[in-house]
Amino acid sequence: MPKLYFYDVGLASALLGVQDANQLNLHPFKGNLFENMVIVELLKQRLNKGKVNNLYFWRNSKGNEINTR
């Protein structure tokens, strides 16, 4: 199943109801938002270098993931 990444992590946080940094420390999606930020920064870096968007991830049946580029 494909993943959905937001280009604006601040917007994603607002949609999740995060209003300040202290609230984010305890939020159950803290790791997801961090992953989103890292992936989007990698995408921006690749696009600025003229490379194609070819970031992928694999997930096994246990839910473990590997991100590649």
PDB file of N, CA and C in Angstrom:
ATOM      1  N   MET A   1       0.849  -1.180   0.000  1.00  0.00           N
ATOM      2  CA  MET A   1       0.000   0.000   0.000  1.00  0.00           C
ATOM      3  C   MET A   1       0.897   1.247   0.000  1.00  0.00           C
ATOM      4  N   PRO A   2       0.638   2.220  -0.860  1.00  0.00           N
ATOM      5  CA  PRO A   2       1.474   3.414  -0.921  1.00  0.00           C
ATOM      6  C   PRO A   2       1.319   4.279   0.323  1.00  0.00           C
ATOM      7  N   LYS A   3       2.346   5.094   0.568  1.00  0.00           N
ATOM      8  CA  LYS A   3       2.301   6.034   1.688  1.00  0.00           C
ATOM      9  C   LYS A   3       1.951   7.417   1.167  1.00  0.00           C
ATOM     10  N   LEU A   4       1.396   8.233   2.035  1.00  0.00           N
ATOM     11  CA  LEU A   4       1.063   9.606   1.708  1.00  0.00           C
ATOM     12  C   LEU A   4       1.980  10.510   2.513  1.00  0.00           C
ATOM     13  N   TYR A   5       2.703  11.405   1.823  1.00  0.00           N
ATOM     14  CA  TYR A   5       3.579  12.360   2.494  1.00  0.00           C
ATOM     15  C   TYR A   5       3.097  13.771   2.217  1.00  0.00           C
ATOM     16  N   PHE A   6       3.105  14.611   3.238  1.00  0.00           N
ATOM     17  CA  PHE A   6       2.750  16.015   3.104  1.00  0.00           C
ATOM     18  C   PHE A   6       4.020  16.807   2.834  1.00  0.00           C
ATOM     19  N   TYR A   7       3.980  17.721   1.858  1.00  0.00           N
ATOM     20  CA  TYR A   7       5.130  18.589   1.615  1.00  0.00           C
ATOM     21  C   TYR A   7       5.288  19.594   2.740  1.00  0.00           C
ATOM     22  N   ASP A   8       4.232  19.906   3.435  1.00  0.00           N
ATOM     23  CA  ASP A   8       4.260  20.868   4.536  1.00  0.00           C
ATOM     24  C   ASP A   8       3.967  20.127   5.837  1.00  0.00           C
ATOM     25  N   VAL A   9       5.019  19.839   6.596  1.00  0.00           N
ATOM     26  CA  VAL A   9       4.862  19.090   7.854  1.00  0.00           C
ATOM     27  C   VAL A   9       4.084  19.917   8.869  1.00  0.00           C
ATOM     28  N   GLY A  10       4.200  21.241   8.781  1.00  0.00           N
ATOM     29  CA  GLY A  10       3.423  22.104   9.671  1.00  0.00           C
ATOM     30  C   GLY A  10       1.932  21.950   9.437  1.00  0.00           C
ATOM     31  N   LEU A  11       1.536  21.847   8.173  1.00  0.00           N
ATOM     32  CA  LEU A  11       0.124  21.638   7.843  1.00  0.00           C
ATOM     33  C   LEU A  11      -0.349  20.276   8.350  1.00  0.00           C
ATOM     34  N   ALA A  12       0.482  19.252   8.164  1.00  0.00           N
ATOM     35  CA  ALA A  12       0.126  17.922   8.659  1.00  0.00           C
ATOM     36  C   ALA A  12      -0.048  17.953  10.178  1.00  0.00           C
ATOM     37  N   SER A  13       0.848  18.664  10.861  1.00  0.00           N
ATOM     38  CA  SER A  13       0.745  18.777  12.328  1.00  0.00           C
ATOM     39  C   SER A  13      -0.541  19.486  12.726  1.00  0.00           C
ATOM     40  N   ALA A  14      -0.858  20.548  12.014  1.00  0.00           N
ATOM     41  CA  ALA A  14      -2.088  21.291  12.330  1.00  0.00           C
ATOM     42  C   ALA A  14      -3.322  20.416  12.114  1.00  0.00           C
ATOM     43  N   LEU A  15      -3.312  19.636  11.046  1.00  0.00           N
ATOM     44  CA  LEU A  15      -4.445  18.749  10.793  1.00  0.00           C
ATOM     45  C   LEU A  15      -4.583  17.678  11.872  1.00  0.00           C
ATOM     46  N   LEU A  16      -3.456  17.325  12.503  1.00  0.00           N
ATOM     47  CA  LEU A  16      -3.491  16.351  13.597  1.00  0.00           C
ATOM     48  C   LEU A  16      -3.801  16.993  14.950  1.00  0.00           C
ATOM     49  N   GLY A  17      -3.933  18.326  14.963  1.00  0.00           N
ATOM     50  CA  GLY A  17      -4.283  19.031  16.196  1.00  0.00           C
ATOM     51  C   GLY A  17      -3.098  19.422  17.054  1.00  0.00           C
ATOM     52  N   VAL A  18      -1.889  19.334  16.529  1.00  0.00           N
ATOM     53  CA  VAL A  18      -0.691  19.727  17.280  1.00  0.00           C
ATOM     54  C   VAL A  18      -0.602  21.248  17.256  1.00  0.00           C
ATOM     55  N   GLN A  19      -0.541  21.849  18.456  1.00  0.00           N
ATOM     56  CA  GLN A  19      -0.519  23.309  18.545  1.00  0.00           C
ATOM     57  C   GLN A  19       0.815  23.869  19.014  1.00  0.00           C
ATOM     58  N   ASP A  20       1.634  23.070  19.689  1.00  0.00           N
ATOM     59  CA  ASP A  20       2.958  23.548  20.104  1.00  0.00           C
ATOM     60  C   ASP A  20       3.923  22.377  20.235  1.00  0.00           C
ATOM     61  N   ALA A  21       5.202  22.688  20.390  1.00  0.00           N
ATOM     62  CA  ALA A  21       6.246  21.661  20.419  1.00  0.00           C
ATOM     63  C   ALA A  21       6.081  20.705  21.599  1.00  0.00           C
ATOM     64  N   ASN A  22       5.635  21.210  22.739  1.00  0.00           N
ATOM     65  CA  ASN A  22       5.450  20.339  23.905  1.00  0.00           C
ATOM     66  C   ASN A  22       4.388  19.280  23.648  1.00  0.00           C
ATOM     67  N   GLN A  23       3.349  19.659  22.945  1.00  0.00           N
ATOM     68  CA  GLN A  23       2.287  18.709  22.617  1.00  0.00           C
ATOM     69  C   GLN A  23       2.806  17.646  21.646  1.00  0.00           C
ATOM     70  N   LEU A  24       3.703  18.050  20.743  1.00  0.00           N
ATOM     71  CA  LEU A  24       4.258  17.116  19.767  1.00  0.00           C
ATOM     72  C   LEU A  24       5.098  16.044  20.449  1.00  0.00           C
ATOM     73  N   ASN A  25       5.770  16.383  21.535  1.00  0.00           N
ATOM     74  CA  ASN A  25       6.616  15.411  22.247  1.00  0.00           C
ATOM     75  C   ASN A  25       5.831  14.185  22.699  1.00  0.00           C
ATOM     76  N   LEU A  26       4.557  14.345  22.971  1.00  0.00           N
ATOM     77  CA  LEU A  26       3.734  13.240  23.460  1.00  0.00           C
ATOM     78  C   LEU A  26       2.771  12.689  22.414  1.00  0.00           C
ATOM     79  N   HIS A  27       2.787  13.263  21.227  1.00  0.00           N
ATOM     80  CA  HIS A  27       1.818  12.883  20.197  1.00  0.00           C
ATOM     81  C   HIS A  27       2.147  11.496  19.634  1.00  0.00           C
ATOM     82  N   PRO A  28       1.145  10.640  19.429  1.00  0.00           N
ATOM     83  CA  PRO A  28       1.402   9.285  18.920  1.00  0.00           C
ATOM     84  C   PRO A  28       1.949   9.258  17.484  1.00  0.00           C
ATOM     85  N   PHE A  29       1.791  10.348  16.719  1.00  0.00           N
ATOM     86  CA  PHE A  29       2.294  10.397  15.343  1.00  0.00           C
ATOM     87  C   PHE A  29       3.612  11.157  15.228  1.00  0.00           C
ATOM     88  N   LYS A  30       4.289  11.362  16.349  1.00  0.00           N
ATOM     89  CA  LYS A  30       5.558  12.097  16.333  1.00  0.00           C
ATOM     90  C   LYS A  30       6.548  11.447  15.373  1.00  0.00           C
ATOM     91  N   GLY A  31       6.684  10.143  15.412  1.00  0.00           N
ATOM     92  CA  GLY A  31       7.608   9.435  14.528  1.00  0.00           C
ATOM     93  C   GLY A  31       7.202   9.531  13.075  1.00  0.00           C
ATOM     94  N   ASN A  32       5.907   9.464  12.806  1.00  0.00           N
ATOM     95  CA  ASN A  32       5.405   9.588  11.435  1.00  0.00           C
ATOM     96  C   ASN A  32       5.693  10.969  10.867  1.00  0.00           C
ATOM     97  N   LEU A  33       5.504  12.012  11.685  1.00  0.00           N
ATOM     98  CA  LEU A  33       5.780  13.368  11.223  1.00  0.00           C
ATOM     99  C   LEU A  33       7.275  13.558  10.958  1.00  0.00           C
ATOM    100  N   PHE A  34       8.120  12.973  11.810  1.00  0.00           N
ATOM    101  CA  PHE A  34       9.564  13.067  11.597  1.00  0.00           C
ATOM    102  C   PHE A  34       9.958  12.353  10.309  1.00  0.00           C
ATOM    103  N   GLU A  35       9.423  11.148  10.086  1.00  0.00           N
ATOM    104  CA  GLU A  35       9.703  10.414   8.855  1.00  0.00           C
ATOM    105  C   GLU A  35       9.261  11.237   7.645  1.00  0.00           C
ATOM    106  N   ASN A  36       8.092  11.844   7.728  1.00  0.00           N
ATOM    107  CA  ASN A  36       7.576  12.677   6.653  1.00  0.00           C
ATOM    108  C   ASN A  36       8.550  13.812   6.345  1.00  0.00           C
ATOM    109  N   MET A  37       9.039  14.482   7.389  1.00  0.00           N
ATOM    110  CA  MET A  37       9.953  15.600   7.199  1.00  0.00           C
ATOM    111  C   MET A  37      11.239  15.144   6.502  1.00  0.00           C
ATOM    112  N   VAL A  38      11.795  14.012   6.930  1.00  0.00           N
ATOM    113  CA  VAL A  38      13.037  13.505   6.341  1.00  0.00           C
ATOM    114  C   VAL A  38      12.831  13.151   4.876  1.00  0.00           C
ATOM    115  N   ILE A  39      11.766  12.440   4.558  1.00  0.00           N
ATOM    116  CA  ILE A  39      11.488  12.037   3.175  1.00  0.00           C
ATOM    117  C   ILE A  39      11.301  13.255   2.286  1.00  0.00           C
ATOM    118  N   VAL A  40      10.547  14.239   2.744  1.00  0.00           N
ATOM    119  CA  VAL A  40      10.304  15.434   1.928  1.00  0.00           C
ATOM    120  C   VAL A  40      11.607  16.196   1.694  1.00  0.00           C
ATOM    121  N   GLU A  41      12.477  16.277   2.709  1.00  0.00           N
ATOM    122  CA  GLU A  41      13.759  16.950   2.516  1.00  0.00           C
ATOM    123  C   GLU A  41      14.635  16.199   1.519  1.00  0.00           C
ATOM    124  N   LEU A  42      14.616  14.867   1.562  1.00  0.00           N
ATOM    125  CA  LEU A  42      15.359  14.077   0.572  1.00  0.00           C
ATOM    126  C   LEU A  42      14.802  14.302  -0.835  1.00  0.00           C
ATOM    127  N   LEU A  43      13.484  14.349  -0.958  1.00  0.00           N
ATOM    128  CA  LEU A  43      12.868  14.606  -2.260  1.00  0.00           C
ATOM    129  C   LEU A  43      13.267  15.981  -2.795  1.00  0.00           C
ATOM    130  N   LYS A  44      13.214  17.006  -1.938  1.00  0.00           N
ATOM    131  CA  LYS A  44      13.591  18.349  -2.374  1.00  0.00           C
ATOM    132  C   LYS A  44      15.047  18.387  -2.819  1.00  0.00           C
ATOM    133  N   GLN A  45      15.917  17.714  -2.065  1.00  0.00           N
ATOM    134  CA  GLN A  45      17.331  17.669  -2.414  1.00  0.00           C
ATOM    135  C   GLN A  45      17.525  17.020  -3.787  1.00  0.00           C
ATOM    136  N   ARG A  46      16.842  15.912  -4.022  1.00  0.00           N
ATOM    137  CA  ARG A  46      16.963  15.214  -5.308  1.00  0.00           C
ATOM    138  C   ARG A  46      16.428  16.070  -6.458  1.00  0.00           C
ATOM    139  N   LEU A  47      15.282  16.701  -6.265  1.00  0.00           N
ATOM    140  CA  LEU A  47      14.701  17.519  -7.323  1.00  0.00           C
ATOM    141  C   LEU A  47      15.571  18.739  -7.623  1.00  0.00           C
ATOM    142  N   ASN A  48      16.189  19.344  -6.596  1.00  0.00           N
ATOM    143  CA  ASN A  48      17.068  20.486  -6.806  1.00  0.00           C
ATOM    144  C   ASN A  48      18.337  20.102  -7.564  1.00  0.00           C
ATOM    145  N   LYS A  49      18.731  18.845  -7.498  1.00  0.00           N
ATOM    146  CA  LYS A  49      19.894  18.365  -8.242  1.00  0.00           C
ATOM    147  C   LYS A  49      19.510  17.846  -9.625  1.00  0.00           C
ATOM    148  N   GLY A  50      18.231  17.945  -9.981  1.00  0.00           N
ATOM    149  CA  GLY A  50      17.761  17.491 -11.278  1.00  0.00           C
ATOM    150  C   GLY A  50      17.555  15.994 -11.374  1.00  0.00           C
ATOM    151  N   LYS A  51      17.535  15.320 -10.246  1.00  0.00           N
ATOM    152  CA  LYS A  51      17.308  13.874 -10.247  1.00  0.00           C
ATOM    153  C   LYS A  51      15.816  13.578 -10.217  1.00  0.00           C
ATOM    154  N   VAL A  52      15.461  12.375 -10.628  1.00  0.00           N
ATOM    155  CA  VAL A  52      14.054  11.990 -10.636  1.00  0.00           C
ATOM    156  C   VAL A  52      13.605  11.583  -9.240  1.00  0.00           C
ATOM    157  N   ASN A  53      12.308  11.639  -9.045  1.00  0.00           N
ATOM    158  CA  ASN A  53      11.713  11.225  -7.775  1.00  0.00           C
ATOM    159  C   ASN A  53      11.633   9.702  -7.768  1.00  0.00           C
ATOM    160  N   ASN A  54      12.627   9.049  -7.188  1.00  0.00           N
ATOM    161  CA  ASN A  54      12.627   7.584  -7.175  1.00  0.00           C
ATOM    162  C   ASN A  54      12.941   7.035  -5.784  1.00  0.00           C
ATOM    163  N   LEU A  55      12.262   7.556  -4.791  1.00  0.00           N
ATOM    164  CA  LEU A  55      12.389   7.025  -3.437  1.00  0.00           C
ATOM    165  C   LEU A  55      11.338   5.931  -3.259  1.00  0.00           C
ATOM    166  N   TYR A  56      11.748   4.824  -2.688  1.00  0.00           N
ATOM    167  CA  TYR A  56      10.852   3.683  -2.503  1.00  0.00           C
ATOM    168  C   TYR A  56      10.979   3.140  -1.094  1.00  0.00           C
ATOM    169  N   PHE A  57      10.013   2.353  -0.681  1.00  0.00           N
ATOM    170  CA  PHE A  57      10.117   1.632   0.579  1.00  0.00           C
ATOM    171  C   PHE A  57       9.518   0.256   0.395  1.00  0.00           C
ATOM    172  N   TRP A  58      10.038  -0.656   1.180  1.00  0.00           N
ATOM    173  CA  TRP A  58       9.498  -2.014   1.202  1.00  0.00           C
ATOM    174  C   TRP A  58       9.016  -2.306   2.610  1.00  0.00           C
ATOM    175  N   ARG A  59       7.900  -3.010   2.697  1.00  0.00           N
ATOM    176  CA  ARG A  59       7.352  -3.403   3.994  1.00  0.00           C
ATOM    177  C   ARG A  59       7.113  -4.907   3.952  1.00  0.00           C
ATOM    178  N   ASN A  60       7.613  -5.612   4.980  1.00  0.00           N
ATOM    179  CA  ASN A  60       7.374  -7.056   5.011  1.00  0.00           C
ATOM    180  C   ASN A  60       6.044  -7.347   5.693  1.00  0.00           C
ATOM    181  N   SER A  61       5.711  -8.612   5.792  1.00  0.00           N
ATOM    182  CA  SER A  61       4.413  -9.001   6.358  1.00  0.00           C
ATOM    183  C   SER A  61       4.280  -8.661   7.837  1.00  0.00           C
ATOM    184  N   LYS A  62       5.413  -8.409   8.520  1.00  0.00           N
ATOM    185  CA  LYS A  62       5.378  -8.028   9.939  1.00  0.00           C
ATOM    186  C   LYS A  62       5.284  -6.519  10.129  1.00  0.00           C
ATOM    187  N   GLY A  63       5.309  -5.757   9.023  1.00  0.00           N
ATOM    188  CA  GLY A  63       5.203  -4.305   9.115  1.00  0.00           C
ATOM    189  C   GLY A  63       6.531  -3.579   9.180  1.00  0.00           C
ATOM    190  N   ASN A  64       7.657  -4.304   9.136  1.00  0.00           N
ATOM    191  CA  ASN A  64       8.968  -3.672   9.135  1.00  0.00           C
ATOM    192  C   ASN A  64       9.216  -3.038   7.775  1.00  0.00           C
ATOM    193  N   GLU A  65       9.861  -1.862   7.771  1.00  0.00           N
ATOM    194  CA  GLU A  65      10.069  -1.140   6.524  1.00  0.00           C
ATOM    195  C   GLU A  65      11.547  -0.865   6.279  1.00  0.00           C
ATOM    196  N   ILE A  66      11.881  -0.742   4.993  1.00  0.00           N
ATOM    197  CA  ILE A  66      13.198  -0.313   4.551  1.00  0.00           C
ATOM    198  C   ILE A  66      12.974   0.765   3.504  1.00  0.00           C
ATOM    199  N   ASN A  67      13.545   1.962   3.710  1.00  0.00           N
ATOM    200  CA  ASN A  67      13.458   3.044   2.739  1.00  0.00           C
ATOM    201  C   ASN A  67      14.715   3.039   1.899  1.00  0.00           C
ATOM    202  N   THR A  68      14.579   3.232   0.603  1.00  0.00           N
ATOM    203  CA  THR A  68      15.731   3.255  -0.294  1.00  0.00           C
ATOM    204  C   THR A  68      15.628   4.439  -1.221  1.00  0.00           C
ATOM    205  N   ARG A  69      16.737   4.719  -1.824  1.00  0.00           N
ATOM    206  CA  ARG A  69      16.749   5.740  -2.885  1.00  0.00           C
ATOM    207  C   ARG A  69      17.730   5.374  -3.932  1.00  0.00           C
TER     208      ARG A  69
END
